[in-house]
Amino acid sequence: MTTCVFVQVRCIPGQTYKVADAIYDREVVSELYSTSGEFDLIAKVYIPDDADVGHYLSERLFDIPGISRTLTTMTFKAF
């Protein structure tokens, strides 16, 4: 079983495509989209049940160069 989270990513101007490529290279996300608004990308990530969400994302995603801010939304139930 896994936990689904959505991670919105704000990138340093001009770095969005490099950040997106780096995210895909790490094979962490199941889906990745460019978005309008305050954030540049949104990623759907499945966290293994035995993993701590914060540590999992920090170790696999948040250290990518070009990321200036993230916002993680936890999910609880699919309808």
N, C-alpha and C. Protein backbone atom coordinates (compact mmCIF):
# COMPACT_ATOMS: atom_id res chain seq x y z
N MET A 1 0.85 -1.19 0.00
CA MET A 1 0.00 0.00 0.00
C MET A 1 0.89 1.24 0.00
N THR A 2 0.37 2.32 -0.56
CA THR A 2 1.13 3.56 -0.64
C THR A 2 0.26 4.74 -0.27
N THR A 3 0.90 5.87 0.00
CA THR A 3 0.20 7.12 0.25
C THR A 3 0.46 8.03 -0.94
N CYS A 4 -0.58 8.62 -1.47
CA CYS A 4 -0.46 9.53 -2.60
C CYS A 4 -0.35 10.97 -2.09
N VAL A 5 0.66 11.69 -2.58
CA VAL A 5 0.79 13.11 -2.27
C VAL A 5 0.97 13.86 -3.58
N PHE A 6 0.57 15.12 -3.57
CA PHE A 6 0.80 16.01 -4.70
C PHE A 6 1.81 17.06 -4.25
N VAL A 7 2.84 17.26 -5.05
CA VAL A 7 3.88 18.23 -4.72
C VAL A 7 3.89 19.30 -5.79
N GLN A 8 3.62 20.54 -5.37
CA GLN A 8 3.73 21.67 -6.28
C GLN A 8 5.14 22.23 -6.15
N VAL A 9 5.73 22.61 -7.27
CA VAL A 9 7.12 23.04 -7.29
C VAL A 9 7.21 24.42 -7.95
N ARG A 10 7.84 25.35 -7.25
CA ARG A 10 8.17 26.65 -7.83
C ARG A 10 9.65 26.60 -8.18
N CYS A 11 9.96 27.00 -9.41
CA CYS A 11 11.34 26.94 -9.89
C CYS A 11 11.93 28.34 -10.01
N ILE A 12 13.25 28.38 -9.93
CA ILE A 12 13.97 29.61 -10.23
C ILE A 12 13.67 29.95 -11.69
N PRO A 13 13.39 31.21 -12.01
CA PRO A 13 13.07 31.57 -13.40
C PRO A 13 14.10 31.02 -14.40
N GLY A 14 13.58 30.42 -15.45
CA GLY A 14 14.41 29.84 -16.49
C GLY A 14 14.89 28.43 -16.23
N GLN A 15 14.52 27.85 -15.09
CA GLN A 15 15.00 26.52 -14.71
C GLN A 15 13.94 25.43 -14.76
N THR A 16 12.71 25.77 -15.14
CA THR A 16 11.60 24.81 -15.05
C THR A 16 11.86 23.54 -15.83
N TYR A 17 12.33 23.65 -17.06
CA TYR A 17 12.54 22.45 -17.88
C TYR A 17 13.68 21.60 -17.32
N LYS A 18 14.73 22.23 -16.81
CA LYS A 18 15.82 21.47 -16.19
C LYS A 18 15.34 20.75 -14.94
N VAL A 19 14.52 21.43 -14.14
CA VAL A 19 13.96 20.81 -12.94
C VAL A 19 13.07 19.63 -13.32
N ALA A 20 12.21 19.81 -14.29
CA ALA A 20 11.32 18.73 -14.73
C ALA A 20 12.12 17.53 -15.22
N ASP A 21 13.16 17.76 -16.01
CA ASP A 21 14.01 16.66 -16.48
C ASP A 21 14.67 15.94 -15.32
N ALA A 22 15.16 16.69 -14.34
CA ALA A 22 15.81 16.09 -13.18
C ALA A 22 14.83 15.26 -12.36
N ILE A 23 13.60 15.75 -12.21
CA ILE A 23 12.58 14.99 -11.48
C ILE A 23 12.32 13.66 -12.19
N TYR A 24 12.13 13.70 -13.50
CA TYR A 24 11.89 12.45 -14.24
C TYR A 24 13.08 11.51 -14.18
N ASP A 25 14.29 12.05 -14.23
CA ASP A 25 15.49 11.22 -14.17
C ASP A 25 15.56 10.42 -12.87
N ARG A 26 15.01 10.96 -11.80
CA ARG A 26 15.06 10.27 -10.50
C ARG A 26 13.98 9.20 -10.34
N GLU A 27 13.03 9.15 -11.28
CA GLU A 27 11.96 8.14 -11.27
C GLU A 27 11.23 8.09 -9.94
N VAL A 28 10.86 9.27 -9.43
CA VAL A 28 10.17 9.38 -8.14
C VAL A 28 8.68 9.61 -8.33
N VAL A 29 8.29 10.27 -9.40
CA VAL A 29 6.90 10.68 -9.58
C VAL A 29 6.18 9.76 -10.55
N SER A 30 4.86 9.64 -10.37
CA SER A 30 4.08 8.87 -11.33
C SER A 30 3.55 9.77 -12.44
N GLU A 31 3.33 11.05 -12.12
CA GLU A 31 2.87 12.03 -13.12
C GLU A 31 3.51 13.37 -12.80
N LEU A 32 3.78 14.16 -13.85
CA LEU A 32 4.36 15.48 -13.67
C LEU A 32 3.77 16.40 -14.74
N TYR A 33 3.26 17.56 -14.30
CA TYR A 33 2.62 18.51 -15.21
C TYR A 33 3.17 19.91 -14.99
N SER A 34 3.21 20.70 -16.05
CA SER A 34 3.47 22.12 -15.88
C SER A 34 2.13 22.78 -15.56
N THR A 35 2.18 23.85 -14.78
CA THR A 35 0.95 24.49 -14.32
C THR A 35 1.08 26.01 -14.45
N SER A 36 -0.05 26.67 -14.36
CA SER A 36 -0.07 28.13 -14.28
C SER A 36 -0.30 28.52 -12.83
N GLY A 37 -0.04 29.77 -12.53
CA GLY A 37 -0.27 30.24 -11.17
C GLY A 37 1.02 30.39 -10.40
N GLU A 38 0.94 30.21 -9.08
CA GLU A 38 2.08 30.45 -8.20
C GLU A 38 3.19 29.40 -8.34
N PHE A 39 2.85 28.22 -8.82
CA PHE A 39 3.82 27.14 -8.96
C PHE A 39 3.97 26.77 -10.42
N ASP A 40 5.13 26.22 -10.76
CA ASP A 40 5.44 25.89 -12.15
C ASP A 40 5.13 24.45 -12.52
N LEU A 41 5.23 23.55 -11.55
CA LEU A 41 5.03 22.12 -11.79
C LEU A 41 4.18 21.53 -10.69
N ILE A 42 3.48 20.45 -11.02
CA ILE A 42 2.81 19.65 -9.99
C ILE A 42 3.11 18.19 -10.28
N ALA A 43 3.48 17.48 -9.22
CA ALA A 43 3.86 16.07 -9.34
C ALA A 43 2.98 15.21 -8.45
N LYS A 44 2.62 14.06 -8.96
CA LYS A 44 1.90 13.06 -8.18
C LYS A 44 2.92 12.00 -7.74
N VAL A 45 3.03 11.81 -6.44
CA VAL A 45 4.05 10.91 -5.89
C VAL A 45 3.38 9.90 -4.98
N TYR A 46 3.75 8.64 -5.12
CA TYR A 46 3.28 7.60 -4.22
C TYR A 46 4.39 7.27 -3.23
N ILE A 47 4.10 7.46 -1.95
CA ILE A 47 5.05 7.22 -0.88
C ILE A 47 4.81 5.82 -0.31
N PRO A 48 5.84 4.98 -0.23
CA PRO A 48 5.65 3.65 0.37
C PRO A 48 5.17 3.79 1.82
N ASP A 49 4.32 2.87 2.25
CA ASP A 49 3.75 2.94 3.60
C ASP A 49 4.80 2.91 4.71
N ASP A 50 5.92 2.26 4.46
CA ASP A 50 6.95 2.17 5.49
C ASP A 50 7.90 3.37 5.50
N ALA A 51 7.63 4.37 4.65
CA ALA A 51 8.50 5.54 4.55
C ALA A 51 7.86 6.76 5.21
N ASP A 52 8.70 7.60 5.80
CA ASP A 52 8.26 8.89 6.32
C ASP A 52 8.15 9.86 5.14
N VAL A 53 7.01 10.50 4.99
CA VAL A 53 6.76 11.37 3.84
C VAL A 53 7.82 12.46 3.72
N GLY A 54 8.10 13.14 4.81
CA GLY A 54 9.07 14.24 4.77
C GLY A 54 10.45 13.79 4.37
N HIS A 55 10.92 12.70 4.98
CA HIS A 55 12.25 12.19 4.63
C HIS A 55 12.29 11.68 3.20
N TYR A 56 11.25 10.98 2.79
CA TYR A 56 11.20 10.43 1.43
C TYR A 56 11.32 11.54 0.39
N LEU A 57 10.52 12.58 0.54
CA LEU A 57 10.55 13.67 -0.43
C LEU A 57 11.85 14.47 -0.35
N SER A 58 12.33 14.71 0.85
CA SER A 58 13.57 15.47 1.01
C SER A 58 14.75 14.75 0.38
N GLU A 59 14.82 13.45 0.54
CA GLU A 59 15.95 12.68 0.04
C GLU A 59 15.88 12.41 -1.45
N ARG A 60 14.68 12.43 -2.03
CA ARG A 60 14.54 12.04 -3.43
C ARG A 60 14.14 13.18 -4.37
N LEU A 61 13.68 14.29 -3.82
CA LEU A 61 13.11 15.31 -4.70
C LEU A 61 13.57 16.73 -4.38
N PHE A 62 13.56 17.10 -3.13
CA PHE A 62 13.70 18.51 -2.77
C PHE A 62 15.10 19.08 -2.92
N ASP A 63 16.09 18.24 -3.15
CA ASP A 63 17.46 18.75 -3.31
C ASP A 63 17.83 19.04 -4.76
N ILE A 64 16.87 18.96 -5.65
CA ILE A 64 17.14 19.22 -7.07
C ILE A 64 17.46 20.70 -7.26
N PRO A 65 18.59 21.01 -7.91
CA PRO A 65 18.93 22.41 -8.17
C PRO A 65 17.86 23.08 -9.03
N GLY A 66 17.54 24.32 -8.71
CA GLY A 66 16.55 25.08 -9.47
C GLY A 66 15.19 25.14 -8.81
N ILE A 67 14.99 24.36 -7.75
CA ILE A 67 13.73 24.42 -7.00
C ILE A 67 13.86 25.52 -5.95
N SER A 68 12.90 26.45 -5.95
CA SER A 68 12.95 27.51 -4.95
C SER A 68 11.93 27.32 -3.83
N ARG A 69 10.86 26.56 -4.10
CA ARG A 69 9.82 26.35 -3.08
C ARG A 69 8.97 25.16 -3.48
N THR A 70 8.44 24.46 -2.47
CA THR A 70 7.51 23.36 -2.73
C THR A 70 6.31 23.48 -1.79
N LEU A 71 5.23 22.86 -2.19
CA LEU A 71 4.03 22.75 -1.36
C LEU A 71 3.49 21.34 -1.54
N THR A 72 3.46 20.58 -0.45
CA THR A 72 3.02 19.19 -0.50
C THR A 72 1.61 19.08 0.07
N THR A 73 0.74 18.41 -0.68
CA THR A 73 -0.63 18.17 -0.25
C THR A 73 -0.81 16.67 -0.04
N MET A 74 -1.17 16.29 1.17
CA MET A 74 -1.42 14.89 1.49
C MET A 74 -2.83 14.51 1.05
N THR A 75 -3.00 13.26 0.65
CA THR A 75 -4.33 12.76 0.32
C THR A 75 -4.73 11.70 1.34
N PHE A 76 -6.05 11.52 1.51
CA PHE A 76 -6.54 10.58 2.50
C PHE A 76 -7.47 9.53 1.94
N LYS A 77 -8.32 9.90 1.00
CA LYS A 77 -9.29 8.93 0.48
C LYS A 77 -9.64 9.29 -0.95
N ALA A 78 -9.68 8.28 -1.82
CA ALA A 78 -10.11 8.49 -3.20
C ALA A 78 -11.61 8.23 -3.30
N PHE A 79 -12.30 9.05 -4.06
CA PHE A 79 -13.74 8.88 -4.22
C PHE A 79 -14.07 8.39 -5.61
